[in-house]
C-alpha atoms as a PDB file:
ATOM      1  CA  UNK A   1      17.435  -5.837  71.074  1.00  0.00           C
ATOM      2  CA  UNK A   2      17.729  -2.253  69.988  1.00  0.00           C
ATOM      3  CA  UNK A   3      21.515  -1.545  68.860  1.00  0.00           C
ATOM      4  CA  UNK A   4      22.573  -5.300  68.205  1.00  0.00           C
ATOM      5  CA  UNK A   5      22.292  -6.372  64.741  1.00  0.00           C
ATOM      6  CA  UNK A   6      22.444  -9.988  63.925  1.00  0.00           C
ATOM      7  CA  UNK A   7      23.893 -11.154  60.766  1.00  0.00           C
ATOM      8  CA  UNK A   8      22.222 -14.221  59.591  1.00  0.00           C
ATOM      9  CA  UNK A   9      23.945 -14.413  56.204  1.00  0.00           C
ATOM     10  CA  UNK A  10      25.980 -17.308  55.586  1.00  0.00           C
ATOM     11  CA  UNK A  11      29.423 -16.015  54.709  1.00  0.00           C
ATOM     12  CA  UNK A  12      30.770 -18.048  51.473  1.00  0.00           C
ATOM     13  CA  UNK A  13      33.657 -15.865  50.787  1.00  0.00           C
ATOM     14  CA  UNK A  14      35.943 -17.821  52.905  1.00  0.00           C
ATOM     15  CA  UNK A  15      39.063 -19.796  51.736  1.00  0.00           C
ATOM     16  CA  UNK A  16      37.815 -22.648  53.952  1.00  0.00           C
ATOM     17  CA  UNK A  17      34.598 -22.784  51.823  1.00  0.00           C
ATOM     18  CA  UNK A  18      36.746 -22.771  48.443  1.00  0.00           C
ATOM     19  CA  UNK A  19      39.086 -25.315  49.746  1.00  0.00           C
ATOM     20  CA  UNK A  20      36.230 -27.749  50.799  1.00  0.00           C
ATOM     21  CA  UNK A  21      34.360 -27.319  47.463  1.00  0.00           C
ATOM     22  CA  UNK A  22      37.562 -27.716  45.655  1.00  0.00           C
ATOM     23  CA  UNK A  23      38.186 -31.104  47.469  1.00  0.00           C
ATOM     24  CA  UNK A  24      34.574 -32.569  47.495  1.00  0.00           C
ATOM     25  CA  UNK A  25      33.651 -31.662  44.048  1.00  0.00           C
ATOM     26  CA  UNK A  26      36.377 -33.819  42.256  1.00  0.00           C
ATOM     27  CA  UNK A  27      35.556 -36.736  44.627  1.00  0.00           C
ATOM     28  CA  UNK A  28      31.907 -36.511  43.679  1.00  0.00           C
ATOM     29  CA  UNK A  29      32.839 -36.260  39.945  1.00  0.00           C
ATOM     30  CA  UNK A  30      35.090 -39.455  40.408  1.00  0.00           C
ATOM     31  CA  UNK A  31      32.215 -41.193  42.031  1.00  0.00           C
ATOM     32  CA  UNK A  32      29.883 -40.270  39.219  1.00  0.00           C
ATOM     33  CA  UNK A  33      32.591 -41.578  36.685  1.00  0.00           C
ATOM     34  CA  UNK A  34      32.715 -44.849  38.691  1.00  0.00           C
ATOM     35  CA  UNK A  35      28.946 -45.378  38.739  1.00  0.00           C
ATOM     36  CA  UNK A  36      29.056 -44.671  34.965  1.00  0.00           C
ATOM     37  CA  UNK A  37      32.169 -46.970  33.988  1.00  0.00           C
ATOM     38  CA  UNK A  38      32.186 -49.682  36.476  1.00  0.00           C
ATOM     39  CA  UNK A  39      29.623 -52.044  35.455  1.00  0.00           C
ATOM     40  CA  UNK A  40      29.095 -54.548  38.296  1.00  0.00           C
ATOM     41  CA  UNK A  41      32.472 -53.975  40.023  1.00  0.00           C
ATOM     42  CA  UNK A  42      32.660 -52.705  43.523  1.00  0.00           C
ATOM     43  CA  UNK A  43      34.666 -49.575  44.248  1.00  0.00           C
ATOM     44  CA  UNK A  44      37.675 -51.496  45.470  1.00  0.00           C
ATOM     45  CA  UNK A  45      37.610 -53.674  42.526  1.00  0.00           C
ATOM     46  CA  UNK A  46      37.458 -50.485  40.283  1.00  0.00           C
ATOM     47  CA  UNK A  47      40.284 -48.651  42.403  1.00  0.00           C
ATOM     48  CA  UNK A  48      42.628 -51.839  41.954  1.00  0.00           C
ATOM     49  CA  UNK A  49      41.804 -51.898  38.062  1.00  0.00           C
ATOM     50  CA  UNK A  50      42.857 -48.241  37.996  1.00  0.00           C
ATOM     51  CA  UNK A  51      45.919 -49.047  40.002  1.00  0.00           C
ATOM     52  CA  UNK A  52      46.923 -52.177  37.920  1.00  0.00           C
ATOM     53  CA  UNK A  53      46.794 -50.228  34.423  1.00  0.00           C
ATOM     54  CA  UNK A  54      48.628 -47.388  36.187  1.00  0.00           C
ATOM     55  CA  UNK A  55      46.036 -44.781  35.167  1.00  0.00           C
ATOM     56  CA  UNK A  56      44.714 -43.630  38.477  1.00  0.00           C
ATOM     57  CA  UNK A  57      46.372 -40.272  38.131  1.00  0.00           C
ATOM     58  CA  UNK A  58      44.402 -39.728  34.700  1.00  0.00           C
ATOM     59  CA  UNK A  59      41.251 -40.442  36.488  1.00  0.00           C
ATOM     60  CA  UNK A  60      42.083 -37.957  39.060  1.00  0.00           C
ATOM     61  CA  UNK A  61      42.947 -35.334  36.577  1.00  0.00           C
ATOM     62  CA  UNK A  62      39.806 -35.807  34.786  1.00  0.00           C
ATOM     63  CA  UNK A  63      37.867 -35.588  38.225  1.00  0.00           C
ATOM     64  CA  UNK A  64      39.496 -32.141  39.115  1.00  0.00           C
ATOM     65  CA  UNK A  65      38.090 -30.361  35.864  1.00  0.00           C
ATOM     66  CA  UNK A  66      35.056 -29.343  37.556  1.00  0.00           C
ATOM     67  CA  UNK A  67      36.912 -27.321  39.790  1.00  0.00           C
ATOM     68  CA  UNK A  68      37.259 -24.845  37.000  1.00  0.00           C
ATOM     69  CA  UNK A  69      33.609 -24.434  36.747  1.00  0.00           C
ATOM     70  CA  UNK A  70      33.430 -23.661  40.605  1.00  0.00           C
ATOM     71  CA  UNK A  71      36.292 -21.229  40.315  1.00  0.00           C
ATOM     72  CA  UNK A  72      34.655 -19.191  37.736  1.00  0.00           C
ATOM     73  CA  UNK A  73      31.071 -19.475  39.830  1.00  0.00           C
ATOM     74  CA  UNK A  74      33.007 -17.825  42.599  1.00  0.00           C
ATOM     75  CA  UNK A  75      34.839 -15.289  40.514  1.00  0.00           C
ATOM     76  CA  UNK A  76      31.328 -14.363  38.876  1.00  0.00           C
ATOM     77  CA  UNK A  77      30.081 -13.820  42.354  1.00  0.00           C
ATOM     78  CA  UNK A  78      32.841 -11.830  43.468  1.00  0.00           C
ATOM     79  CA  UNK A  79      33.715 -14.586  46.299  1.00  0.00           C
ATOM     80  CA  UNK A  80      37.571 -13.865  45.754  1.00  0.00           C
ATOM     81  CA  UNK A  81      38.484 -15.772  48.924  1.00  0.00           C
ATOM     82  CA  UNK A  82      36.480 -18.572  47.977  1.00  0.00           C
ATOM     83  CA  UNK A  83      38.068 -18.738  44.451  1.00  0.00           C
ATOM     84  CA  UNK A  84      41.336 -18.735  45.995  1.00  0.00           C
ATOM     85  CA  UNK A  85      40.487 -21.775  48.242  1.00  0.00           C
ATOM     86  CA  UNK A  86      39.427 -23.646  44.858  1.00  0.00           C
ATOM     87  CA  UNK A  87      42.812 -22.766  43.485  1.00  0.00           C
ATOM     88  CA  UNK A  88      44.575 -23.933  46.345  1.00  0.00           C
ATOM     89  CA  UNK A  89      42.565 -27.522  46.505  1.00  0.00           C
ATOM     90  CA  UNK A  90      43.508 -27.460  42.643  1.00  0.00           C
ATOM     91  CA  UNK A  91      47.079 -27.229  43.477  1.00  0.00           C
ATOM     92  CA  UNK A  92      46.795 -29.970  46.019  1.00  0.00           C
ATOM     93  CA  UNK A  93      45.291 -32.131  43.860  1.00  0.00           C
ATOM     94  CA  UNK A  94      48.044 -31.497  41.211  1.00  0.00           C
ATOM     95  CA  UNK A  95      50.649 -32.301  43.812  1.00  0.00           C
ATOM     96  CA  UNK A  96      48.878 -35.494  44.511  1.00  0.00           C
ATOM     97  CA  UNK A  97      48.736 -36.404  40.822  1.00  0.00           C
ATOM     98  CA  UNK A  98      52.451 -35.732  40.660  1.00  0.00           C
ATOM     99  CA  UNK A  99      53.134 -37.765  43.375  1.00  0.00           C
ATOM    100  CA  UNK A 100      51.298 -40.873  41.898  1.00  0.00           C
ATOM    101  CA  UNK A 101      53.175 -40.384  38.728  1.00  0.00           C
ATOM    102  CA  UNK A 102      56.762 -40.106  40.452  1.00  0.00           C
ATOM    103  CA  UNK A 103      56.113 -42.462  42.961  1.00  0.00           C
ATOM    104  CA  UNK A 104      53.236 -44.915  41.953  1.00  0.00           C
END
């Protein structure tokens, strides 16, 4: 129709996109580490082993490292709101790690 423009471009520059990617990427990273290091253990056995050794915070910290790459990709693409979302999710992961270390 004349006079109406449709914008079919997906807007990736939102805090929600950054927040979701900053939460999902560490989970995927953790699962990759699990598949590489678990041997024949189930996920529950692997998680229990981490808890028994009190090193679950360390593995979460390692899993959050790829957020740095996602953050810089959003910066290089000039997606500043999405970069803020990744930063926010990284802070949420940091609070989780702090809670585990203090109370776990």
